[in-house]
N, C-alpha and C. Protein backbone atom coordinates (compact mmCIF):
# COMPACT_ATOMS: atom_id res chain seq x y z
N MET A 1 125.66 74.49 91.48
CA MET A 1 125.41 74.75 90.10
C MET A 1 124.87 76.04 89.96
N THR A 2 125.18 76.93 89.19
CA THR A 2 124.61 78.51 88.79
C THR A 2 123.36 78.24 88.19
N GLU A 3 122.37 79.17 88.50
CA GLU A 3 121.26 79.13 87.36
C GLU A 3 120.75 80.92 87.25
N PRO A 4 121.75 81.40 86.33
CA PRO A 4 121.41 82.49 85.85
C PRO A 4 119.89 82.84 85.53
N ALA A 5 119.41 84.21 85.57
CA ALA A 5 118.48 84.59 84.92
C ALA A 5 118.25 84.27 83.53
N SER A 6 119.27 84.99 82.89
CA SER A 6 119.25 84.82 81.49
C SER A 6 120.43 85.80 81.10
N LEU A 7 121.47 85.86 80.16
CA LEU A 7 122.18 86.68 79.33
C LEU A 7 121.35 87.88 78.54
N VAL A 8 120.25 87.30 77.79
CA VAL A 8 119.43 88.15 77.10
C VAL A 8 118.13 88.06 77.77
N MET A 9 117.61 89.15 78.40
CA MET A 9 116.44 89.46 78.97
C MET A 9 115.06 89.16 78.13
N PRO A 10 114.15 88.90 78.67
CA PRO A 10 112.86 88.55 77.96
C PRO A 10 112.32 90.22 77.16
N GLY A 11 111.95 89.98 76.13
CA GLY A 11 111.27 91.26 75.70
C GLY A 11 110.66 92.25 76.06
N ASP A 12 109.54 91.51 77.24
CA ASP A 12 108.84 92.16 78.09
C ASP A 12 109.55 93.14 79.14
N ILE A 13 110.56 92.46 79.61
CA ILE A 13 111.35 93.34 80.69
C ILE A 13 112.14 94.32 79.81
N ASP A 14 112.81 93.99 78.63
CA ASP A 14 113.37 95.26 78.05
C ASP A 14 112.20 96.35 77.72
N GLN A 15 111.12 95.87 77.33
CA GLN A 15 110.18 97.27 77.30
C GLN A 15 109.70 97.70 78.41
N GLN A 16 109.74 97.11 79.39
CA GLN A 16 109.53 97.74 80.86
C GLN A 16 110.58 98.68 81.31
N VAL A 17 112.03 98.19 80.89
CA VAL A 17 112.89 99.00 81.43
C VAL A 17 112.94 100.32 80.57
N VAL A 18 112.82 100.34 79.27
CA VAL A 18 112.69 101.58 78.34
C VAL A 18 111.54 102.45 78.89
N ALA A 19 110.18 102.04 79.14
CA ALA A 19 109.17 102.76 79.68
C ALA A 19 109.48 103.03 81.13
N VAL A 20 110.18 102.90 81.90
CA VAL A 20 110.59 103.35 83.37
C VAL A 20 111.62 104.49 83.20
N LEU A 21 112.77 103.89 82.42
CA LEU A 21 113.70 105.17 82.18
C LEU A 21 113.06 106.46 81.55
N ARG A 22 112.37 106.28 80.37
CA ARG A 22 111.61 107.66 79.85
C ARG A 22 110.77 108.07 80.30
N ALA A 23 109.95 107.40 81.19
CA ALA A 23 109.24 108.30 82.21
C ALA A 23 110.22 108.84 83.17
N ALA A 24 111.23 108.31 83.57
CA ALA A 24 111.83 109.07 84.72
C ALA A 24 112.43 110.33 83.99
N CYS A 25 113.05 110.14 82.63
CA CYS A 25 113.76 111.17 82.19
C CYS A 25 112.86 112.32 81.78
N ASP A 26 111.59 112.00 81.65
CA ASP A 26 110.38 113.16 80.98
C ASP A 26 109.91 113.94 82.32
N LYS A 27 110.39 113.23 83.21
CA LYS A 27 109.85 113.85 84.81
C LYS A 27 111.18 114.39 85.39
N ASP A 28 112.48 114.29 84.95
CA ASP A 28 113.63 114.45 85.66
C ASP A 28 113.63 114.03 86.78
N LEU A 29 113.37 112.77 86.91
CA LEU A 29 113.60 112.05 88.14
C LEU A 29 114.68 110.86 88.21
N LYS A 30 115.50 111.04 89.29
CA LYS A 30 116.58 109.98 89.52
C LYS A 30 116.13 108.53 90.27
N LEU A 31 116.49 107.62 90.08
CA LEU A 31 116.23 106.37 90.43
C LEU A 31 117.30 105.59 90.87
N ALA A 32 117.07 104.91 92.00
CA ALA A 32 118.13 104.25 92.85
C ALA A 32 117.60 102.51 93.29
N THR A 33 118.49 101.81 93.39
CA THR A 33 117.91 100.46 93.65
C THR A 33 118.83 100.08 94.97
N ALA A 34 117.97 99.18 95.62
CA ALA A 34 118.62 98.53 96.63
C ALA A 34 118.33 96.84 96.68
N GLU A 35 119.30 95.85 96.24
CA GLU A 35 118.92 94.51 95.97
C GLU A 35 119.82 93.83 96.64
N SER A 36 118.70 92.60 96.76
CA SER A 36 119.36 91.25 97.51
C SER A 36 119.29 90.23 96.80
N CYS A 37 118.21 89.32 96.72
CA CYS A 37 117.92 88.35 95.95
C CYS A 37 118.23 88.54 94.29
N THR A 38 118.13 89.47 93.86
CA THR A 38 118.33 89.80 92.39
C THR A 38 119.61 90.30 92.26
N GLY A 39 120.45 90.57 93.25
CA GLY A 39 121.85 90.48 93.01
C GLY A 39 122.35 91.78 91.97
N GLY A 40 121.65 92.83 91.93
CA GLY A 40 122.03 93.63 91.10
C GLY A 40 121.67 93.92 89.87
N LEU A 41 120.69 92.76 89.38
CA LEU A 41 119.88 92.77 88.12
C LEU A 41 119.41 93.93 87.64
N LEU A 42 118.58 94.58 88.49
CA LEU A 42 117.81 95.65 88.31
C LEU A 42 118.76 96.70 87.93
N ALA A 43 119.58 97.05 88.75
CA ALA A 43 120.62 98.24 88.75
C ALA A 43 121.32 97.97 86.97
N SER A 44 121.64 96.86 86.88
CA SER A 44 122.21 96.67 85.47
C SER A 44 121.24 97.14 84.37
N LEU A 45 120.09 96.53 84.65
CA LEU A 45 119.08 96.98 83.25
C LEU A 45 119.02 98.15 83.14
N LEU A 46 118.84 99.04 84.61
CA LEU A 46 118.55 100.44 84.42
C LEU A 46 119.89 101.49 83.89
N THR A 47 120.81 100.83 83.70
CA THR A 47 121.87 101.19 82.90
C THR A 47 122.04 101.10 81.43
N ASP A 48 121.06 100.13 81.11
CA ASP A 48 121.33 99.87 79.61
C ASP A 48 120.77 100.34 78.36
N VAL A 49 120.01 101.27 78.72
CA VAL A 49 119.27 101.79 77.69
C VAL A 49 120.02 103.40 77.26
N GLU A 50 120.62 103.21 76.19
CA GLU A 50 121.39 104.33 75.61
C GLU A 50 120.42 105.74 75.50
N GLY A 51 121.12 106.89 75.93
CA GLY A 51 119.98 107.88 76.05
C GLY A 51 119.30 108.20 77.21
N CYS A 52 118.91 107.29 78.15
CA CYS A 52 118.03 107.38 79.24
C CYS A 52 118.77 107.02 80.39
N ALA A 53 120.00 106.34 80.30
CA ALA A 53 120.63 105.74 81.74
C ALA A 53 121.06 106.77 82.62
N HIS A 54 120.78 107.86 82.41
CA HIS A 54 121.31 109.23 83.22
C HIS A 54 120.21 109.16 84.23
N ALA A 55 119.15 108.45 84.06
CA ALA A 55 118.24 108.74 84.90
C ALA A 55 118.34 107.74 86.29
N PHE A 56 119.36 107.14 86.14
CA PHE A 56 119.74 105.91 87.22
C PHE A 56 121.03 106.56 88.11
N ASP A 57 120.56 106.82 89.37
CA ASP A 57 121.79 107.37 90.27
C ASP A 57 122.71 106.24 90.57
N ARG A 58 122.17 105.15 91.44
CA ARG A 58 123.32 104.33 91.77
C ARG A 58 122.27 102.85 92.33
N GLY A 59 123.02 101.97 92.54
CA GLY A 59 122.27 100.73 92.92
C GLY A 59 123.38 100.08 94.06
N PHE A 60 122.24 99.54 95.06
CA PHE A 60 123.36 98.84 96.34
C PHE A 60 123.14 97.26 95.89
N VAL A 61 123.86 96.52 96.01
CA VAL A 61 123.96 94.90 96.32
C VAL A 61 124.10 94.66 97.68
N THR A 62 123.14 94.29 98.30
CA THR A 62 123.10 94.24 99.58
C THR A 62 122.63 92.86 100.02
N TYR A 63 123.45 91.84 99.94
CA TYR A 63 123.04 90.53 100.08
C TYR A 63 123.02 89.54 101.49
N THR A 64 124.09 90.33 102.13
CA THR A 64 124.10 89.97 103.40
C THR A 64 123.43 90.68 104.54
N ASP A 65 123.22 90.26 105.72
CA ASP A 65 122.72 91.51 106.46
C ASP A 65 123.50 92.57 107.25
N ARG A 66 124.93 92.30 106.92
CA ARG A 66 125.72 93.05 107.20
C ARG A 66 125.66 93.93 106.25
N ALA A 67 125.65 93.68 105.11
CA ALA A 67 125.83 94.57 103.82
C ALA A 67 124.44 95.46 103.98
N LYS A 68 123.42 94.84 104.33
CA LYS A 68 121.98 95.91 104.49
C LYS A 68 122.20 96.74 105.56
N HIS A 69 123.06 96.67 106.89
CA HIS A 69 123.15 97.38 107.78
C HIS A 69 124.06 98.55 107.56
N GLN A 70 125.39 98.33 107.03
CA GLN A 70 126.27 99.02 106.65
C GLN A 70 126.18 99.99 105.51
N GLN A 71 125.65 99.54 104.56
CA GLN A 71 125.35 100.26 103.26
C GLN A 71 124.15 101.08 103.52
N LEU A 72 123.01 100.54 103.98
CA LEU A 72 121.69 101.21 103.70
C LEU A 72 121.11 101.64 105.22
N GLY A 73 121.81 101.27 106.28
CA GLY A 73 121.40 101.67 107.60
C GLY A 73 120.28 101.01 108.15
N VAL A 74 120.02 99.77 107.53
CA VAL A 74 118.97 98.79 108.29
C VAL A 74 119.43 98.15 109.69
N PRO A 75 118.53 98.82 110.56
CA PRO A 75 119.10 98.25 112.15
C PRO A 75 119.31 96.86 112.20
N THR A 76 120.27 96.57 112.87
CA THR A 76 120.31 95.18 113.03
C THR A 76 119.66 94.48 113.80
N GLY A 77 119.01 95.16 114.71
CA GLY A 77 117.89 94.45 115.64
C GLY A 77 116.48 94.25 114.63
N LEU A 78 116.22 95.14 113.84
CA LEU A 78 115.16 94.86 112.80
C LEU A 78 115.56 93.53 111.92
N LEU A 79 116.89 93.29 111.72
CA LEU A 79 117.02 92.14 110.87
C LEU A 79 117.08 91.06 111.66
N ALA A 80 117.47 91.28 112.84
CA ALA A 80 117.55 89.85 114.09
C ALA A 80 115.88 89.64 114.24
N SER A 81 115.29 90.48 114.48
CA SER A 81 113.70 90.13 114.71
C SER A 81 112.82 89.99 113.57
N ALA A 82 113.04 90.63 112.44
CA ALA A 82 112.15 90.48 111.44
C ALA A 82 112.55 89.47 110.41
N GLY A 83 113.92 89.56 110.25
CA GLY A 83 114.54 88.59 109.40
C GLY A 83 114.64 89.46 108.02
N ALA A 84 115.83 89.01 107.36
CA ALA A 84 116.04 89.89 106.11
C ALA A 84 115.01 89.86 105.13
N VAL A 85 114.32 88.98 104.77
CA VAL A 85 113.07 88.79 104.00
C VAL A 85 111.86 89.06 104.58
N SER A 86 111.65 90.28 104.91
CA SER A 86 110.31 90.84 105.41
C SER A 86 109.80 92.32 104.93
N TRP A 87 108.83 92.38 105.27
CA TRP A 87 107.99 93.43 104.78
C TRP A 87 108.85 94.86 105.43
N ASP A 88 109.28 94.90 106.54
CA ASP A 88 110.04 95.94 107.29
C ASP A 88 111.18 96.32 106.95
N VAL A 89 111.86 94.95 106.74
CA VAL A 89 113.44 95.27 106.29
C VAL A 89 113.24 95.86 104.78
N ALA A 90 112.45 95.42 103.80
CA ALA A 90 112.33 95.74 102.36
C ALA A 90 111.96 97.23 102.61
N GLU A 91 111.18 97.76 103.34
CA GLU A 91 110.79 99.19 103.54
C GLU A 91 112.14 100.07 103.88
N ALA A 92 112.86 99.63 105.05
CA ALA A 92 114.09 100.01 105.55
C ALA A 92 115.10 100.10 104.45
N MET A 93 115.30 99.30 103.64
CA MET A 93 116.23 99.14 102.64
C MET A 93 115.93 100.25 101.58
N ALA A 94 114.77 100.14 101.24
CA ALA A 94 114.29 101.55 100.14
C ALA A 94 114.34 102.77 100.71
N ARG A 95 114.15 102.96 102.21
CA ARG A 95 114.45 104.27 102.77
C ARG A 95 115.85 104.52 102.76
N GLY A 96 116.71 103.40 103.12
CA GLY A 96 118.06 103.68 103.24
C GLY A 96 118.64 103.92 101.91
N ALA A 97 118.24 103.36 100.69
CA ALA A 97 118.69 103.92 99.29
C ALA A 97 118.52 105.17 99.04
N ILE A 98 117.05 105.88 99.59
CA ILE A 98 116.61 107.04 99.22
C ILE A 98 117.65 108.11 99.92
N ALA A 99 117.95 107.56 101.37
CA ALA A 99 118.82 108.36 101.97
C ALA A 99 120.29 108.75 101.71
N ARG A 100 120.62 107.48 101.24
CA ARG A 100 122.06 107.59 100.84
C ARG A 100 122.39 107.84 99.27
N SER A 101 121.39 108.27 98.74
CA SER A 101 121.62 108.64 97.07
C SER A 101 121.11 110.13 96.63
N ASP A 102 121.08 110.20 95.78
CA ASP A 102 120.77 111.68 95.14
C ASP A 102 119.20 111.21 94.23
N ALA A 103 118.79 109.88 94.51
CA ALA A 103 117.36 109.53 93.80
C ALA A 103 116.30 110.46 94.31
N ASP A 104 115.22 110.21 93.38
CA ASP A 104 114.03 110.67 94.04
C ASP A 104 113.15 109.47 94.34
N LEU A 105 113.32 108.42 93.50
CA LEU A 105 112.71 107.22 93.92
C LEU A 105 113.46 106.08 94.09
N ALA A 106 113.22 105.22 94.93
CA ALA A 106 114.53 103.98 95.28
C ALA A 106 113.48 102.72 95.50
N LEU A 107 113.88 101.80 94.95
CA LEU A 107 113.27 100.48 94.95
C LEU A 107 114.11 99.58 95.45
N ALA A 108 113.52 98.80 96.38
CA ALA A 108 114.39 97.60 97.22
C ALA A 108 113.68 96.31 97.02
N ILE A 109 114.49 95.22 96.96
CA ILE A 109 113.94 93.82 96.73
C ILE A 109 114.59 92.94 97.61
N THR A 110 114.00 92.04 98.29
CA THR A 110 114.56 91.30 99.25
C THR A 110 113.77 89.99 99.17
N GLY A 111 114.13 88.74 99.15
CA GLY A 111 113.63 87.56 99.07
C GLY A 111 114.32 86.15 98.95
N PHE A 112 113.91 85.17 98.66
CA PHE A 112 114.28 83.84 98.34
C PHE A 112 114.11 83.48 97.20
N ALA A 113 115.24 83.30 96.53
CA ALA A 113 115.07 83.15 94.92
C ALA A 113 115.09 81.61 94.82
N GLY A 114 115.59 81.00 95.97
CA GLY A 114 115.19 79.51 95.78
C GLY A 114 115.21 78.93 97.02
N ARG A 115 115.71 77.59 96.92
CA ARG A 115 115.12 76.79 98.27
C ARG A 115 116.45 77.27 99.10
N GLY A 116 115.95 77.64 100.49
CA GLY A 116 116.94 78.06 101.40
C GLY A 116 117.09 76.90 102.70
N ALA A 117 117.06 77.56 103.84
CA ALA A 117 116.91 76.60 104.95
C ALA A 117 115.48 76.41 105.53
N PRO A 118 115.53 75.40 106.23
CA PRO A 118 114.32 75.10 106.49
C PRO A 118 113.31 76.10 107.13
N GLY A 119 112.05 76.53 106.65
CA GLY A 119 111.29 77.55 107.21
C GLY A 119 111.36 78.50 106.28
N GLU A 120 112.36 78.62 105.29
CA GLU A 120 112.23 79.67 104.15
C GLU A 120 111.28 79.22 102.82
N GLU A 121 110.41 80.14 102.37
CA GLU A 121 109.88 79.84 101.76
C GLU A 121 110.45 80.54 100.18
N PRO A 122 110.61 79.32 99.41
CA PRO A 122 111.02 79.68 97.99
C PRO A 122 110.27 80.55 97.23
N GLY A 123 110.68 81.54 96.90
CA GLY A 123 109.91 82.46 95.69
C GLY A 123 109.17 83.45 96.55
N LEU A 124 109.28 83.51 97.74
CA LEU A 124 108.67 84.65 98.72
C LEU A 124 109.68 85.91 98.55
N VAL A 125 109.44 86.94 98.05
CA VAL A 125 109.85 88.13 97.83
C VAL A 125 109.16 89.38 98.27
N TYR A 126 109.82 90.60 98.87
CA TYR A 126 109.36 91.79 99.27
C TYR A 126 109.98 92.74 98.48
N LEU A 127 109.15 93.72 98.07
CA LEU A 127 109.75 94.84 97.41
C LEU A 127 109.15 96.02 97.65
N ALA A 128 109.85 97.14 97.70
CA ALA A 128 109.39 98.28 98.64
C ALA A 128 110.16 99.42 97.81
N LEU A 129 109.14 100.51 97.59
CA LEU A 129 109.40 101.94 96.90
C LEU A 129 109.26 102.68 97.95
N ALA A 130 110.50 103.49 97.86
CA ALA A 130 110.47 104.62 98.70
C ALA A 130 110.67 106.11 97.78
N ARG A 131 109.85 107.06 97.93
CA ARG A 131 109.82 108.41 97.69
C ARG A 131 110.85 109.52 98.37
N ILE A 132 111.38 110.11 97.70
CA ILE A 132 112.15 111.19 98.71
C ILE A 132 111.03 112.34 99.33
N ASN A 133 110.99 112.22 100.37
CA ASN A 133 110.16 113.23 101.23
C ASN A 133 108.63 112.60 101.14
N GLY A 134 108.50 111.44 100.75
CA GLY A 134 107.18 110.89 100.63
C GLY A 134 107.18 109.51 101.60
N PRO A 135 105.74 108.90 101.36
CA PRO A 135 105.47 107.57 101.79
C PRO A 135 106.29 106.46 100.71
N ALA A 136 106.27 105.43 101.66
CA ALA A 136 106.95 104.25 100.98
C ALA A 136 105.73 103.32 100.79
N GLU A 137 105.65 102.36 99.77
CA GLU A 137 104.87 101.10 99.56
C GLU A 137 105.42 99.93 99.52
N VAL A 138 105.15 98.89 100.18
CA VAL A 138 105.66 97.68 100.11
C VAL A 138 104.72 96.52 99.59
N GLU A 139 105.04 95.80 98.92
CA GLU A 139 104.33 94.50 98.41
C GLU A 139 105.01 93.23 98.66
N LYS A 140 104.39 92.20 98.80
CA LYS A 140 104.77 90.82 99.17
C LYS A 140 104.23 89.84 98.03
N LYS A 141 105.32 89.37 97.27
CA LYS A 141 105.01 88.39 96.37
C LYS A 141 105.72 86.90 96.83
N GLN A 142 104.54 85.92 96.32
CA GLN A 142 104.95 84.51 96.49
C GLN A 142 104.85 84.14 95.20
N PHE A 143 106.20 83.71 94.55
CA PHE A 143 106.48 83.47 93.24
C PHE A 143 106.26 81.98 93.57
N GLY A 144 106.40 81.27 94.55
CA GLY A 144 106.50 79.87 94.62
C GLY A 144 108.16 79.40 94.36
N ASP A 145 108.00 77.75 94.29
CA ASP A 145 109.29 77.26 94.06
C ASP A 145 109.26 77.02 92.53
N ILE A 146 109.81 78.19 91.70
CA ILE A 146 109.88 77.85 90.28
C ILE A 146 111.26 78.02 89.92
N GLY A 147 112.32 78.03 90.66
CA GLY A 147 113.50 78.35 90.60
C GLY A 147 114.44 79.45 90.74
N ARG A 148 115.51 79.75 90.86
CA ARG A 148 116.25 81.00 91.07
C ARG A 148 116.06 81.89 90.00
N GLY A 149 116.51 81.45 88.78
CA GLY A 149 116.20 82.13 87.46
C GLY A 149 114.76 82.86 87.47
N ALA A 150 114.14 82.08 87.38
CA ALA A 150 112.62 82.56 87.40
C ALA A 150 112.01 83.62 88.52
N VAL A 151 112.65 83.34 89.39
CA VAL A 151 111.92 83.91 90.62
C VAL A 151 112.58 85.28 90.64
N ARG A 152 114.00 85.64 90.12
CA ARG A 152 114.51 86.76 89.70
C ARG A 152 114.07 87.53 88.68
N LEU A 153 113.55 86.70 87.55
CA LEU A 153 112.89 87.39 86.53
C LEU A 153 111.41 88.00 86.93
N ALA A 154 110.88 87.19 87.72
CA ALA A 154 109.35 87.68 88.27
C ALA A 154 109.76 89.20 89.15
N ALA A 155 110.76 88.94 89.71
CA ALA A 155 110.86 90.11 90.73
C ALA A 155 111.42 91.27 90.22
N LEU A 156 112.15 91.01 89.15
CA LEU A 156 112.65 92.27 88.22
C LEU A 156 111.15 92.69 87.40
N ARG A 157 110.32 91.89 86.96
CA ARG A 157 109.13 92.24 86.51
C ARG A 157 108.12 93.06 87.41
N ALA A 158 108.06 92.71 88.56
CA ALA A 158 107.25 93.58 89.80
C ALA A 158 107.87 94.61 90.06
N ALA A 159 109.34 94.71 90.41
CA ALA A 159 109.83 95.94 90.50
C ALA A 159 109.61 97.17 89.28
N LEU A 160 109.98 96.72 88.15
CA LEU A 160 109.69 97.74 87.17
C LEU A 160 108.26 98.03 87.12
N HIS A 161 107.30 97.34 87.51
CA HIS A 161 105.95 97.58 87.30
C HIS A 161 105.52 98.55 88.54
N MET A 162 106.29 98.43 89.90
CA MET A 162 106.26 99.52 90.85
C MET A 162 106.79 100.90 90.37
N PHE A 163 108.09 100.77 89.97
CA PHE A 163 108.66 102.10 89.30
C PHE A 163 107.88 102.92 88.30
N TRP A 164 107.28 101.91 87.62
CA TRP A 164 106.24 102.58 86.38
C TRP A 164 105.18 102.94 87.07
N ARG A 165 104.23 102.51 88.10
CA ARG A 165 103.22 103.06 88.74
C ARG A 165 103.58 104.37 89.51
N ALA A 166 104.81 104.14 89.92
CA ALA A 166 105.12 105.56 90.71
C ALA A 166 105.49 106.85 89.74
N LEU A 167 105.86 106.35 88.53
CA LEU A 167 106.45 107.31 87.59
C LEU A 167 105.39 108.00 86.66
N ARG A 168 104.08 107.32 86.87
CA ARG A 168 102.74 107.89 85.98
C ARG A 168 102.23 108.78 86.20
């Protein structure tokens, strides 16, 4: 059974999106996303604000290891050793999105939105923000076993906050 985040985003997320896009527009910066567990939701939100969506360059939805490798250049050895849901893979995804786009800032999200295989922690999410010609930062979030939709919303809030901090 599917568990969508929601067709209507909570008001705080809408406000965060507008703030991020306006800040990017004010600084004439382009944004990109590389998403796994959020399935393109962040990219979709960044194209929703009339008059600001030009700040969004592109989004990569890379749910499988193969897609992460093919679209973002994440090394297969890293995926095998660290696992797709890891600090290092999140950083590699963000760096790959910067390298394969015209963006100034790229944000990657990878995690376990719900219950997975044994040993996978539900709600474990890594977010990484890469800057063109600059350092990357990575955050680990443990949202807990709160359900796929709730984890995705929490990941969106965290991602938008990372973008916002980078744009201030």
